[in-house]
Amino acid sequence: MNLDDEEAVGLGGVELIRAVMRRVARQLDWKVETIGWIGTRFGTMIAVRDTREVPEGIGPWSTPQCTST
Protein backbone atom coordinates (compact mmCIF):
# COMPACT_ATOMS: atom_id res chain seq x y z
CA MET A 1 0.00 0.00 0.00
CA ASN A 2 1.33 3.45 -0.83
CA LEU A 3 -0.19 6.43 0.97
CA ASP A 4 0.68 10.07 1.40
CA ASP A 5 2.26 10.57 4.83
CA GLU A 6 -0.62 12.83 5.91
CA GLU A 7 -3.15 10.22 4.80
CA ALA A 8 -1.37 7.50 6.81
CA VAL A 9 -1.36 9.70 9.91
CA GLY A 10 -5.05 10.46 9.36
CA LEU A 11 -5.77 6.72 9.31
CA GLY A 12 -4.04 6.23 12.68
CA GLY A 13 -0.41 5.79 11.63
CA VAL A 14 1.70 3.02 10.19
CA GLU A 15 1.54 0.76 13.26
CA LEU A 16 -2.27 0.83 13.38
CA ILE A 17 -2.56 0.19 9.64
CA ARG A 18 -0.14 -2.75 9.91
CA ALA A 19 -2.09 -4.16 12.87
CA VAL A 20 -5.36 -3.98 10.95
CA MET A 21 -3.79 -5.67 7.92
CA ARG A 22 -2.40 -8.47 10.14
CA ARG A 23 -5.77 -8.98 11.82
CA VAL A 24 -7.60 -9.27 8.49
CA ALA A 25 -4.97 -11.69 7.21
CA ARG A 26 -5.37 -13.88 10.31
CA GLN A 27 -9.13 -13.95 9.82
CA LEU A 28 -8.43 -15.38 6.35
CA ASP A 29 -6.07 -17.97 7.92
CA TRP A 30 -3.06 -16.42 6.20
CA LYS A 31 0.40 -16.48 7.74
CA VAL A 32 1.89 -13.05 7.13
CA GLU A 33 4.59 -10.58 7.97
CA THR A 34 3.99 -6.84 7.64
CA ILE A 35 6.42 -4.01 7.10
CA GLY A 36 5.89 -0.29 6.99
CA TRP A 37 7.82 2.94 6.63
CA ILE A 38 6.64 6.51 6.85
CA GLY A 39 8.45 9.37 5.13
CA THR A 40 9.95 7.53 2.16
CA ARG A 41 10.39 9.42 -1.09
CA PHE A 42 7.22 7.65 -2.24
CA GLY A 43 5.26 8.55 0.90
CA THR A 44 4.22 5.89 3.40
CA MET A 45 4.83 2.31 2.29
CA ILE A 46 3.08 -0.65 3.94
CA ALA A 47 3.33 -4.25 2.74
CA VAL A 48 1.98 -7.66 3.69
CA ARG A 49 4.02 -10.74 2.81
CA ASP A 50 2.26 -14.09 2.78
CA THR A 51 4.53 -16.73 4.32
CA ARG A 52 2.37 -19.79 3.59
CA GLU A 53 3.75 -22.64 1.50
CA VAL A 54 2.86 -22.39 -2.17
CA PRO A 55 0.64 -25.29 -3.21
CA GLU A 56 2.02 -27.69 -5.82
CA GLY A 57 1.27 -26.51 -9.36
CA ILE A 58 0.74 -22.87 -8.39
CA GLY A 59 3.20 -20.13 -9.20
CA PRO A 60 4.93 -18.29 -12.01
CA TRP A 61 6.86 -21.42 -12.97
CA SER A 62 3.71 -23.49 -13.61
CA THR A 63 1.82 -23.48 -16.89
CA PRO A 64 -1.93 -22.99 -16.56
CA GLN A 65 -3.95 -25.74 -18.21
CA CYS A 66 -6.57 -24.61 -20.70
CA THR A 67 -9.72 -26.73 -20.46
CA SER A 68 -11.95 -24.80 -22.89
CA THR A 69 -12.55 -26.12 -26.40
C-alpha atoms as a PDB file:
ATOM      1  CA  MET A   1       0.000   0.000   0.000  1.00  0.00           C
ATOM      2  CA  ASN A   2       1.329   3.446  -0.829  1.00  0.00           C
ATOM      3  CA  LEU A   3      -0.187   6.430   0.973  1.00  0.00           C
ATOM      4  CA  ASP A   4       0.683  10.070   1.402  1.00  0.00           C
ATOM      5  CA  ASP A   5       2.263  10.574   4.833  1.00  0.00           C
ATOM      6  CA  GLU A   6      -0.617  12.826   5.907  1.00  0.00           C
ATOM      7  CA  GLU A   7      -3.152  10.218   4.804  1.00  0.00           C
ATOM      8  CA  ALA A   8      -1.373   7.499   6.808  1.00  0.00           C
ATOM      9  CA  VAL A   9      -1.358   9.703   9.910  1.00  0.00           C
ATOM     10  CA  GLY A  10      -5.051  10.458   9.357  1.00  0.00           C
ATOM     11  CA  LEU A  11      -5.772   6.717   9.311  1.00  0.00           C
ATOM     12  CA  GLY A  12      -4.036   6.229  12.678  1.00  0.00           C
ATOM     13  CA  GLY A  13      -0.414   5.792  11.626  1.00  0.00           C
ATOM     14  CA  VAL A  14       1.696   3.019  10.189  1.00  0.00           C
ATOM     15  CA  GLU A  15       1.538   0.759  13.263  1.00  0.00           C
ATOM     16  CA  LEU A  16      -2.272   0.829  13.378  1.00  0.00           C
ATOM     17  CA  ILE A  17      -2.565   0.186   9.640  1.00  0.00           C
ATOM     18  CA  ARG A  18      -0.144  -2.753   9.909  1.00  0.00           C
ATOM     19  CA  ALA A  19      -2.093  -4.160  12.875  1.00  0.00           C
ATOM     20  CA  VAL A  20      -5.365  -3.983  10.948  1.00  0.00           C
ATOM     21  CA  MET A  21      -3.792  -5.669   7.919  1.00  0.00           C
ATOM     22  CA  ARG A  22      -2.398  -8.473  10.142  1.00  0.00           C
ATOM     23  CA  ARG A  23      -5.771  -8.981  11.815  1.00  0.00           C
ATOM     24  CA  VAL A  24      -7.603  -9.267   8.487  1.00  0.00           C
ATOM     25  CA  ALA A  25      -4.969 -11.695   7.206  1.00  0.00           C
ATOM     26  CA  ARG A  26      -5.369 -13.876  10.314  1.00  0.00           C
ATOM     27  CA  GLN A  27      -9.130 -13.947   9.818  1.00  0.00           C
ATOM     28  CA  LEU A  28      -8.425 -15.378   6.353  1.00  0.00           C
ATOM     29  CA  ASP A  29      -6.065 -17.971   7.918  1.00  0.00           C
ATOM     30  CA  TRP A  30      -3.065 -16.422   6.199  1.00  0.00           C
ATOM     31  CA  LYS A  31       0.404 -16.478   7.738  1.00  0.00           C
ATOM     32  CA  VAL A  32       1.893 -13.054   7.129  1.00  0.00           C
ATOM     33  CA  GLU A  33       4.586 -10.575   7.973  1.00  0.00           C
ATOM     34  CA  THR A  34       3.994  -6.842   7.645  1.00  0.00           C
ATOM     35  CA  ILE A  35       6.423  -4.008   7.104  1.00  0.00           C
ATOM     36  CA  GLY A  36       5.892  -0.288   6.992  1.00  0.00           C
ATOM     37  CA  TRP A  37       7.816   2.939   6.626  1.00  0.00           C
ATOM     38  CA  ILE A  38       6.645   6.513   6.846  1.00  0.00           C
ATOM     39  CA  GLY A  39       8.452   9.368   5.126  1.00  0.00           C
ATOM     40  CA  THR A  40       9.951   7.531   2.158  1.00  0.00           C
ATOM     41  CA  ARG A  41      10.392   9.420  -1.088  1.00  0.00           C
ATOM     42  CA  PHE A  42       7.217   7.651  -2.240  1.00  0.00           C
ATOM     43  CA  GLY A  43       5.257   8.553   0.904  1.00  0.00           C
ATOM     44  CA  THR A  44       4.224   5.892   3.398  1.00  0.00           C
ATOM     45  CA  MET A  45       4.831   2.308   2.287  1.00  0.00           C
ATOM     46  CA  ILE A  46       3.084  -0.651   3.936  1.00  0.00           C
ATOM     47  CA  ALA A  47       3.333  -4.246   2.740  1.00  0.00           C
ATOM     48  CA  VAL A  48       1.978  -7.658   3.693  1.00  0.00           C
ATOM     49  CA  ARG A  49       4.024 -10.742   2.808  1.00  0.00           C
ATOM     50  CA  ASP A  50       2.255 -14.086   2.782  1.00  0.00           C
ATOM     51  CA  THR A  51       4.531 -16.730   4.316  1.00  0.00           C
ATOM     52  CA  ARG A  52       2.369 -19.787   3.586  1.00  0.00           C
ATOM     53  CA  GLU A  53       3.749 -22.635   1.503  1.00  0.00           C
ATOM     54  CA  VAL A  54       2.857 -22.386  -2.175  1.00  0.00           C
ATOM     55  CA  PRO A  55       0.636 -25.294  -3.214  1.00  0.00           C
ATOM     56  CA  GLU A  56       2.020 -27.693  -5.822  1.00  0.00           C
ATOM     57  CA  GLY A  57       1.266 -26.509  -9.363  1.00  0.00           C
ATOM     58  CA  ILE A  58       0.737 -22.869  -8.394  1.00  0.00           C
ATOM     59  CA  GLY A  59       3.201 -20.126  -9.205  1.00  0.00           C
ATOM     60  CA  PRO A  60       4.930 -18.287 -12.006  1.00  0.00           C
ATOM     61  CA  TRP A  61       6.860 -21.423 -12.969  1.00  0.00           C
ATOM     62  CA  SER A  62       3.706 -23.485 -13.613  1.00  0.00           C
ATOM     63  CA  THR A  63       1.825 -23.479 -16.887  1.00  0.00           C
ATOM     64  CA  PRO A  64      -1.932 -22.990 -16.564  1.00  0.00           C
ATOM     65  CA  GLN A  65      -3.948 -25.741 -18.210  1.00  0.00           C
ATOM     66  CA  CYS A  66      -6.571 -24.605 -20.703  1.00  0.00           C
ATOM     67  CA  THR A  67      -9.717 -26.725 -20.463  1.00  0.00           C
ATOM     68  CA  SER A  68     -11.948 -24.803 -22.887  1.00  0.00           C
ATOM     69  CA  THR A  69     -12.553 -26.118 -26.399  1.00  0.00           C
END
